[in-house]
């Protein structure tokens, strides 16, 4: 089975490729570095999807602008679906984010557009909403270098990116599900606390400056806006595939402490 991975060189994409290989599947990486322009849709996409059975879209853009986010995810989604239909792709799987319909961030507007494009598209589809990754704390910390670490106040239920990738592979190699159950980690965390623990694990001394986003966005982020919603007829813990196993502290011990030791 050939499975194309849009954004296969990114954080989650690399794990998806590894998990596909481990499962005995043939991954096809769709990225600019492999000669495929997902935004333009004209360079290499049709050829890359030849003989592909399923597509996993984990492509991403780094922006806080709603306009840029919507433009990116709209273009990539439509190009993948149109090319997938021409190639006879049987299943389109897209990774989304828990809470994008409850938290009014500009970036989230693009993810909502992506979901709409997939739902209205020509292929059988599955959309998986996952919570922030454990790596999100690292991304937040590294976004602005210097003596101060400005961190938004936010409740999240982080999950290991590899566990998300493993779940995406299971979905892609099975029948289309529509909206899959939300996928989250085992514990609710405060992002500010995660960043502080990350700094300790790295042995870095920076002043953490918590910032609450204004208005309804801030209220949703500090409340339950980005936490998974349990199925109406089942406890969240009973929903298949709804919880990852690795905690943030376990991820720190395995990745950050180990990487620091190797670097030293």
Protein backbone atom coordinates (compact mmCIF):
# COMPACT_ATOMS: atom_id res chain seq x y z
CA UNK A 1 0.00 0.00 0.00
CA UNK A 2 1.37 3.39 -1.02
CA UNK A 3 0.55 6.32 1.27
CA UNK A 4 1.47 9.89 0.36
CA UNK A 5 2.42 12.20 3.24
CA UNK A 6 1.88 15.89 2.55
CA UNK A 7 4.38 17.73 4.71
CA UNK A 8 6.37 14.54 5.17
CA UNK A 9 9.55 16.39 6.16
CA UNK A 10 7.95 18.27 9.07
CA UNK A 11 7.68 17.36 12.76
CA UNK A 12 4.70 15.00 12.49
CA UNK A 13 5.35 14.12 8.86
CA UNK A 14 8.72 12.53 9.61
CA UNK A 15 7.11 10.35 12.25
CA UNK A 16 4.29 9.39 9.87
CA UNK A 17 6.86 8.28 7.31
CA UNK A 18 8.71 6.21 9.93
CA UNK A 19 5.50 4.61 11.17
CA UNK A 20 4.45 3.74 7.62
CA UNK A 21 7.75 1.99 7.01
CA UNK A 22 7.44 0.14 10.32
CA UNK A 23 3.96 -0.99 9.29
CA UNK A 24 5.24 -2.34 5.98
CA UNK A 25 3.69 0.44 3.88
CA UNK A 26 5.36 2.50 1.17
CA UNK A 27 5.49 6.23 2.03
CA UNK A 28 5.60 8.91 -0.66
CA UNK A 29 6.80 12.26 0.71
CA UNK A 30 5.10 15.35 -0.74
CA UNK A 31 7.19 18.45 -0.06
CA UNK A 32 9.07 21.17 -1.92
CA UNK A 33 12.35 19.45 -1.15
CA UNK A 34 11.01 16.44 -3.07
CA UNK A 35 9.89 18.54 -6.03
CA UNK A 36 6.21 18.90 -5.08
CA UNK A 37 4.68 22.35 -4.58
CA UNK A 38 1.51 21.77 -2.57
CA UNK A 39 0.39 25.40 -2.74
CA UNK A 40 0.77 25.85 -6.50
CA UNK A 41 -0.36 22.29 -7.11
CA UNK A 42 1.17 22.16 -10.56
CA UNK A 43 4.72 21.01 -9.86
CA UNK A 44 5.09 17.26 -9.45
CA UNK A 45 1.86 16.54 -7.57
CA UNK A 46 0.09 14.38 -10.16
CA UNK A 47 3.20 12.30 -10.78
CA UNK A 48 3.81 11.86 -7.05
CA UNK A 49 0.26 10.55 -6.45
CA UNK A 50 0.43 7.97 -9.21
CA UNK A 51 -0.45 4.60 -7.66
CA UNK A 52 -1.10 6.11 -4.21
CA UNK A 53 -3.92 4.54 -2.17
CA UNK A 54 -4.23 7.11 0.62
CA UNK A 55 -3.02 10.62 1.46
CA UNK A 56 -2.15 11.89 4.95
CA UNK A 57 -2.09 15.69 5.04
CA UNK A 58 0.10 17.04 7.84
CA UNK A 59 1.28 20.08 5.88
CA UNK A 60 1.65 23.29 7.85
CA UNK A 61 2.35 27.01 7.65
CA UNK A 62 3.86 29.16 10.42
CA UNK A 63 1.67 32.23 10.78
CA UNK A 64 -0.73 33.98 13.15
CA UNK A 65 -2.52 35.66 10.24
CA UNK A 66 -6.00 34.34 9.47
CA UNK A 67 -5.68 35.49 5.86
CA UNK A 68 -2.40 33.66 5.27
CA UNK A 69 -3.55 30.55 7.13
CA UNK A 70 -6.84 30.32 5.22
CA UNK A 71 -5.09 30.89 1.88
CA UNK A 72 -2.53 28.15 2.58
CA UNK A 73 -4.86 25.44 3.85
CA UNK A 74 -7.49 26.19 1.22
CA UNK A 75 -4.97 25.89 -1.62
CA UNK A 76 -3.20 22.80 -0.29
CA UNK A 77 -6.44 21.02 0.56
CA UNK A 78 -8.01 21.64 -2.84
CA UNK A 79 -4.86 20.71 -4.74
CA UNK A 80 -4.42 17.45 -2.84
CA UNK A 81 -8.07 16.46 -3.24
CA UNK A 82 -8.26 17.35 -6.94
CA UNK A 83 -5.02 15.55 -7.73
CA UNK A 84 -6.08 12.65 -5.54
CA UNK A 85 -9.31 12.26 -7.47
CA UNK A 86 -7.40 12.20 -10.76
CA UNK A 87 -5.02 9.59 -9.37
CA UNK A 88 -7.73 7.35 -7.92
CA UNK A 89 -6.79 7.91 -4.27
CA UNK A 90 -9.28 6.07 -2.05
CA UNK A 91 -8.83 7.83 1.32
CA UNK A 92 -7.81 11.36 2.33
CA UNK A 93 -6.77 11.89 5.97
CA UNK A 94 -6.17 15.37 7.40
CA UNK A 95 -4.68 16.32 10.77
CA UNK A 96 -6.49 19.14 12.54
CA UNK A 97 -6.50 20.63 16.07
CA UNK A 98 -8.83 20.19 19.02
CA UNK A 99 -10.78 23.35 19.84
CA UNK A 100 -10.39 25.28 16.58
CA UNK A 101 -14.13 25.96 16.55
CA UNK A 102 -14.01 27.30 20.13
CA UNK A 103 -10.84 29.42 20.11
CA UNK A 104 -10.74 32.34 17.67
CA UNK A 105 -7.06 32.35 16.76
CA UNK A 106 -6.18 33.48 13.24
CA UNK A 107 -4.24 30.31 12.47
CA UNK A 108 -7.24 28.23 13.50
CA UNK A 109 -9.37 29.89 10.83
CA UNK A 110 -7.16 28.20 8.27
CA UNK A 111 -7.60 24.81 9.91
CA UNK A 112 -11.37 25.28 9.87
CA UNK A 113 -11.16 26.05 6.16
CA UNK A 114 -9.07 22.93 5.64
CA UNK A 115 -11.71 20.80 7.35
CA UNK A 116 -14.47 22.36 5.24
CA UNK A 117 -12.55 21.74 2.01
CA UNK A 118 -11.97 18.10 2.95
CA UNK A 119 -15.63 17.54 3.88
CA UNK A 120 -16.83 19.07 0.61
CA UNK A 121 -14.19 17.31 -1.48
CA UNK A 122 -14.51 14.37 -3.88
CA UNK A 123 -12.71 11.72 -1.80
CA UNK A 124 -13.69 9.55 1.19
CA UNK A 125 -12.18 11.36 4.15
CA UNK A 126 -11.13 11.27 7.78
CA UNK A 127 -10.26 14.32 9.89
CA UNK A 128 -8.36 13.75 13.14
CA UNK A 129 -8.30 16.59 15.63
CA UNK A 130 -5.40 16.30 18.08
CA UNK A 131 -4.30 18.49 20.96
CA UNK A 132 -0.98 20.34 21.04
CA UNK A 133 2.14 18.19 20.93
CA UNK A 134 4.63 17.92 23.78
CA UNK A 135 6.99 19.70 21.38
CA UNK A 136 4.71 22.76 21.48
CA UNK A 137 6.40 23.95 24.68
CA UNK A 138 9.76 23.82 22.91
CA UNK A 139 8.38 25.65 19.88
CA UNK A 140 6.91 28.35 22.12
CA UNK A 141 10.18 28.78 24.00
CA UNK A 142 12.38 28.90 20.90
CA UNK A 143 10.12 31.28 18.95
CA UNK A 144 11.55 34.34 20.73
CA UNK A 145 15.15 33.90 21.95
CA UNK A 146 16.58 36.04 24.70
CA UNK A 147 16.43 36.37 28.50
CA UNK A 148 12.60 36.47 28.60
CA UNK A 149 10.23 33.68 27.62
CA UNK A 150 6.81 35.12 26.82
CA UNK A 151 4.30 32.29 27.15
CA UNK A 152 0.52 32.49 26.65
CA UNK A 153 -1.62 31.21 29.49
CA UNK A 154 -3.26 28.09 28.14
CA UNK A 155 -4.66 24.79 29.32
CA UNK A 156 -3.86 21.87 27.07
CA UNK A 157 -3.75 18.09 27.13
CA UNK A 158 -0.51 17.54 25.19
CA UNK A 159 0.35 14.39 23.31
CA UNK A 160 3.53 12.98 21.80
CA UNK A 161 3.83 13.78 18.09
CA UNK A 162 4.89 10.20 17.39
CA UNK A 163 1.69 8.89 18.96
CA UNK A 164 -0.31 11.20 16.71
CA UNK A 165 1.62 9.90 13.70
CA UNK A 166 0.97 6.29 14.70
CA UNK A 167 -2.74 7.02 14.98
CA UNK A 168 -2.79 8.74 11.59
CA UNK A 169 -1.23 5.67 9.98
CA UNK A 170 -3.90 3.44 11.52
CA UNK A 171 -6.61 5.73 10.20
CA UNK A 172 -5.07 6.01 6.73
CA UNK A 173 -4.80 2.25 6.31
CA UNK A 174 -8.43 1.70 7.35
CA UNK A 175 -11.80 2.88 6.02
CA UNK A 176 -12.80 6.55 6.01
CA UNK A 177 -14.41 7.66 9.29
CA UNK A 178 -15.40 11.28 8.72
CA UNK A 179 -14.67 13.11 11.97
CA UNK A 180 -12.58 10.76 14.10
CA UNK A 181 -12.69 10.99 17.93
CA UNK A 182 -10.46 13.73 19.34
CA UNK A 183 -6.96 12.55 20.19
CA UNK A 184 -5.26 13.91 23.32
CA UNK A 185 -2.55 13.12 25.81
CA UNK A 186 -3.06 11.54 29.24
CA UNK A 187 -2.95 14.70 31.39
CA UNK A 188 -4.16 18.30 31.37
CA UNK A 189 -1.26 20.73 31.66
CA UNK A 190 -0.66 24.47 31.89
CA UNK A 191 1.60 25.62 29.05
CA UNK A 192 3.44 28.02 31.39
CA UNK A 193 4.32 25.11 33.71
CA UNK A 194 5.42 22.99 30.75
CA UNK A 195 7.82 25.71 29.61
CA UNK A 196 9.27 26.10 33.10
CA UNK A 197 9.91 22.35 33.33
CA UNK A 198 11.46 22.39 29.88
CA UNK A 199 13.85 25.16 30.92
CA UNK A 200 14.90 23.17 33.99
CA UNK A 201 15.47 20.07 31.89
CA UNK A 202 17.66 22.08 29.50
CA UNK A 203 19.55 23.73 32.34
CA UNK A 204 18.58 27.18 31.03
CA UNK A 205 17.84 30.25 33.10
CA UNK A 206 15.24 32.50 31.48
CA UNK A 207 12.47 34.55 33.06
CA UNK A 208 9.08 33.13 32.09
CA UNK A 209 6.52 35.88 31.46
CA UNK A 210 2.96 34.48 31.36
CA UNK A 211 0.59 36.47 29.13
CA UNK A 212 -3.17 36.05 28.91
CA UNK A 213 -4.62 36.63 25.47
CA UNK A 214 -7.33 39.32 25.50
CA UNK A 215 -11.08 38.81 25.34
CA UNK A 216 -12.91 35.66 24.37
CA UNK A 217 -9.75 34.06 22.94
CA UNK A 218 -7.97 34.35 26.28
CA UNK A 219 -10.98 33.02 28.17
CA UNK A 220 -11.20 29.99 25.87
CA UNK A 221 -7.46 29.28 26.08
CA UNK A 222 -7.34 29.45 29.89
CA UNK A 223 -10.56 27.45 30.15
CA UNK A 224 -11.58 24.27 28.36
CA UNK A 225 -11.45 25.62 24.81
CA UNK A 226 -8.52 23.47 23.73
CA UNK A 227 -9.35 20.33 25.66
CA UNK A 228 -11.05 17.33 24.04
CA UNK A 229 -14.81 17.01 24.28
CA UNK A 230 -16.01 13.59 25.37
CA UNK A 231 -18.43 11.76 23.13
CA UNK A 232 -22.01 12.41 24.25
CA UNK A 233 -22.62 8.72 24.93
CA UNK A 234 -19.22 7.67 26.26
CA UNK A 235 -16.60 8.73 28.74
CA UNK A 236 -13.56 10.19 26.95
CA UNK A 237 -11.37 7.40 28.31
CA UNK A 238 -13.62 4.85 26.62
CA UNK A 239 -13.42 6.39 23.15
CA UNK A 240 -11.07 4.20 21.05
CA UNK A 241 -7.78 5.93 20.35
CA UNK A 242 -8.77 9.04 22.29
CA UNK A 243 -5.77 9.10 24.65
CA UNK A 244 -2.04 8.83 24.16
CA UNK A 245 0.11 7.19 26.79
CA UNK A 246 3.24 9.33 27.13
CA UNK A 247 3.10 12.20 29.61
CA UNK A 248 4.94 15.47 29.11
CA UNK A 249 7.41 14.61 31.89
CA UNK A 250 8.13 11.25 30.26
CA UNK A 251 8.69 13.01 26.95
CA UNK A 252 11.09 15.45 28.68
CA UNK A 253 13.05 12.59 30.24
CA UNK A 254 13.34 10.71 26.96
CA UNK A 255 14.00 13.54 24.50
CA UNK A 256 15.22 16.70 26.17
CA UNK A 257 17.40 15.27 28.94
CA UNK A 258 18.85 12.65 26.57
CA UNK A 259 19.52 15.22 23.83
CA UNK A 260 21.18 17.55 26.34
CA UNK A 261 23.42 14.76 27.60
CA UNK A 262 24.42 13.78 24.07
CA UNK A 263 25.10 17.40 23.18
CA UNK A 264 27.38 17.82 26.19
